[in-house]
N, C-alpha and C. Protein backbone atom coordinates (compact mmCIF):
# COMPACT_ATOMS: atom_id res chain seq x y z
N MET A 1 -25.13 -10.62 23.79
CA MET A 1 -24.64 -10.77 22.54
C MET A 1 -23.97 -12.33 22.53
N ASN A 2 -24.51 -13.32 21.69
CA ASN A 2 -23.73 -14.76 21.92
C ASN A 2 -22.72 -14.50 20.33
N ALA A 3 -22.13 -15.75 20.73
CA ALA A 3 -20.80 -16.13 19.57
C ALA A 3 -21.32 -15.91 18.15
N ALA A 4 -22.29 -16.45 17.96
CA ALA A 4 -22.91 -16.48 16.57
C ALA A 4 -23.19 -15.03 16.00
N SER A 5 -23.99 -14.46 16.84
CA SER A 5 -24.38 -12.86 16.51
C SER A 5 -23.00 -12.09 16.15
N THR A 6 -21.95 -11.99 17.19
CA THR A 6 -20.94 -11.13 17.17
C THR A 6 -20.01 -11.68 15.79
N TYR A 7 -19.81 -13.15 15.50
CA TYR A 7 -19.34 -13.27 14.37
C TYR A 7 -19.90 -13.04 13.41
N ASP A 8 -21.72 -13.15 13.06
CA ASP A 8 -22.00 -12.54 12.02
C ASP A 8 -21.86 -11.01 11.80
N THR A 9 -21.95 -10.15 12.78
CA THR A 9 -21.52 -8.69 13.02
C THR A 9 -20.20 -8.46 12.43
N LEU A 10 -19.63 -9.12 12.94
CA LEU A 10 -18.09 -8.89 12.33
C LEU A 10 -17.89 -9.17 10.91
N ARG A 11 -18.49 -10.13 10.25
CA ARG A 11 -18.29 -10.52 8.97
C ARG A 11 -19.10 -9.61 8.19
N ILE A 12 -20.39 -9.19 8.51
CA ILE A 12 -20.96 -8.24 7.70
C ILE A 12 -19.83 -7.07 7.68
N LEU A 13 -19.38 -6.66 8.82
CA LEU A 13 -18.81 -5.28 8.81
C LEU A 13 -17.33 -5.58 7.92
N ALA A 14 -16.73 -6.65 8.08
CA ALA A 14 -15.69 -6.93 7.25
C ALA A 14 -15.94 -7.12 5.72
N ASP A 15 -16.84 -7.59 5.31
CA ASP A 15 -17.39 -7.91 3.81
C ASP A 15 -17.96 -6.25 3.46
N SER A 16 -18.16 -5.56 3.90
CA SER A 16 -18.59 -4.13 3.37
C SER A 16 -17.30 -3.31 3.75
N TRP A 17 -17.29 -2.85 5.27
CA TRP A 17 -16.07 -1.79 5.28
C TRP A 17 -14.76 -2.29 4.86
N GLY A 18 -14.52 -3.53 4.95
CA GLY A 18 -13.23 -4.11 4.90
C GLY A 18 -12.93 -4.54 3.47
N LEU A 19 -14.06 -4.33 2.62
CA LEU A 19 -13.62 -4.28 0.98
C LEU A 19 -13.39 -2.86 0.72
N ALA A 20 -14.24 -2.28 1.32
CA ALA A 20 -14.06 -0.56 0.84
C ALA A 20 -12.67 0.15 1.17
N ALA A 21 -12.18 -0.28 2.40
CA ALA A 21 -11.03 -0.27 2.89
C ALA A 21 -9.77 -0.88 2.13
N MET A 22 -9.97 -1.94 1.94
CA MET A 22 -8.99 -2.54 0.79
C MET A 22 -9.08 -1.89 -0.29
N ALA A 23 -9.87 -1.47 -0.95
CA ALA A 23 -10.33 -0.98 -2.53
C ALA A 23 -9.46 0.28 -2.40
N LEU A 24 -9.26 1.18 -1.00
CA LEU A 24 -9.07 2.46 -1.18
C LEU A 24 -7.70 2.20 -1.09
N VAL A 25 -7.05 1.47 -0.19
CA VAL A 25 -5.27 1.25 -0.19
C VAL A 25 -5.24 0.80 -1.13
N PHE A 26 -5.46 -0.21 -2.22
CA PHE A 26 -5.15 -0.46 -3.32
C PHE A 26 -5.21 0.73 -4.32
N VAL A 27 -6.24 1.59 -4.63
CA VAL A 27 -6.26 2.90 -5.45
C VAL A 27 -4.87 3.71 -5.22
N VAL A 28 -4.82 3.56 -3.71
CA VAL A 28 -3.79 4.84 -3.23
C VAL A 28 -2.44 4.09 -3.50
N LEU A 29 -2.24 2.89 -3.33
CA LEU A 29 -0.94 2.28 -3.83
C LEU A 29 -0.57 2.05 -5.33
N CYS A 30 -1.74 1.85 -5.72
CA CYS A 30 -1.32 1.95 -7.23
C CYS A 30 -1.27 3.53 -8.11
N LEU A 31 -1.82 4.62 -7.35
CA LEU A 31 -1.37 5.96 -7.92
C LEU A 31 0.02 6.61 -7.00
N TRP A 32 0.26 5.93 -6.16
CA TRP A 32 1.39 6.58 -5.16
C TRP A 32 2.74 6.93 -6.26
N PRO A 33 2.82 6.29 -7.17
CA PRO A 33 4.27 6.21 -8.07
C PRO A 33 4.19 7.45 -8.82
N PHE A 34 2.80 7.87 -9.12
CA PHE A 34 2.59 9.08 -10.31
C PHE A 34 2.17 10.35 -9.42
N ARG A 35 2.77 10.50 -8.30
CA ARG A 35 2.34 11.41 -7.17
C ARG A 35 3.42 12.85 -7.76
N PRO A 36 3.02 14.17 -7.81
CA PRO A 36 4.33 14.77 -8.05
C PRO A 36 5.49 14.71 -7.23
N GLY A 37 6.68 14.84 -7.90
CA GLY A 37 8.10 14.72 -6.86
C GLY A 37 8.58 13.08 -6.67
N ALA A 38 7.56 12.39 -7.51
CA ALA A 38 8.05 10.86 -7.17
C ALA A 38 9.03 10.27 -8.00
N HIS A 39 9.29 11.31 -9.22
CA HIS A 39 10.00 10.79 -10.23
C HIS A 39 11.79 10.55 -9.93
N ASP A 40 11.97 11.91 -8.80
CA ASP A 40 13.02 11.64 -8.50
C ASP A 40 13.58 10.60 -7.57
N ASP A 41 12.27 10.44 -6.77
CA ASP A 41 12.58 8.94 -6.08
C ASP A 41 12.77 7.78 -7.04
N ALA A 42 11.93 7.66 -7.89
CA ALA A 42 12.08 6.40 -8.57
C ALA A 42 13.22 6.00 -9.23
N THR A 43 13.94 7.49 -10.07
CA THR A 43 15.28 7.33 -10.67
C THR A 43 16.35 6.93 -9.94
N ARG A 44 16.00 7.43 -8.54
CA ARG A 44 17.35 6.89 -7.43
C ARG A 44 17.00 5.61 -7.31
N ALA A 45 15.77 5.22 -7.27
CA ALA A 45 15.69 3.66 -6.71
C ALA A 45 16.28 2.84 -8.19
N ALA A 46 15.80 3.28 -8.93
CA ALA A 46 16.42 2.39 -10.21
C ALA A 46 17.53 2.44 -10.45
N ASN A 47 18.43 3.40 -10.15
CA ASN A 47 19.85 3.25 -10.29
C ASN A 47 20.58 3.11 -9.25
N SER A 48 19.89 2.59 -7.88
CA SER A 48 20.70 2.22 -6.79
C SER A 48 21.19 0.89 -6.98
N ILE A 49 20.85 -0.08 -7.86
CA ILE A 49 21.38 -1.30 -8.11
C ILE A 49 22.87 -1.23 -8.85
N PHE A 50 23.23 -0.05 -9.47
CA PHE A 50 24.48 0.06 -10.02
C PHE A 50 25.70 0.66 -9.32
N GLU A 51 25.35 1.26 -7.78
CA GLU A 51 26.01 1.88 -7.09
C GLU A 51 26.56 0.37 -6.19
N ASP A 52 27.81 1.13 -5.54
CA ASP A 52 28.59 0.01 -4.48
C ASP A 52 29.06 1.10 -3.66
N ASP A 53 29.50 0.10 -2.76
CA ASP A 53 30.30 1.04 -1.39
C ASP A 53 31.14 1.75 -1.63
N ASN A 54 31.81 1.40 -2.84
CA ASN A 54 33.25 2.45 -3.26
C ASN A 54 32.88 3.52 -3.87
N ASP A 55 31.75 3.67 -4.84
CA ASP A 55 31.36 4.89 -5.45
C ASP A 55 31.81 6.45 -4.70
N GLY A 56 32.70 7.01 -5.86
CA GLY A 56 33.03 8.40 -5.24
C GLY A 56 34.51 8.28 -4.64
N GLU A 57 35.12 7.50 -4.21
CA GLU A 57 36.12 7.32 -3.43
C GLU A 57 37.39 6.93 -4.76
């Protein structure tokens, strides 16, 4: 296998399966905040900027 055919093979693989993998990652990351149980994590993250080191003392 020469360098040109290796490059072409990897380019075709990246064009097809790479695009499918990136699309899957995109969909998963878009749906991640809407999973069951995410509300508590999102609320805690949203309110974390209002807390400081001396809260509760």
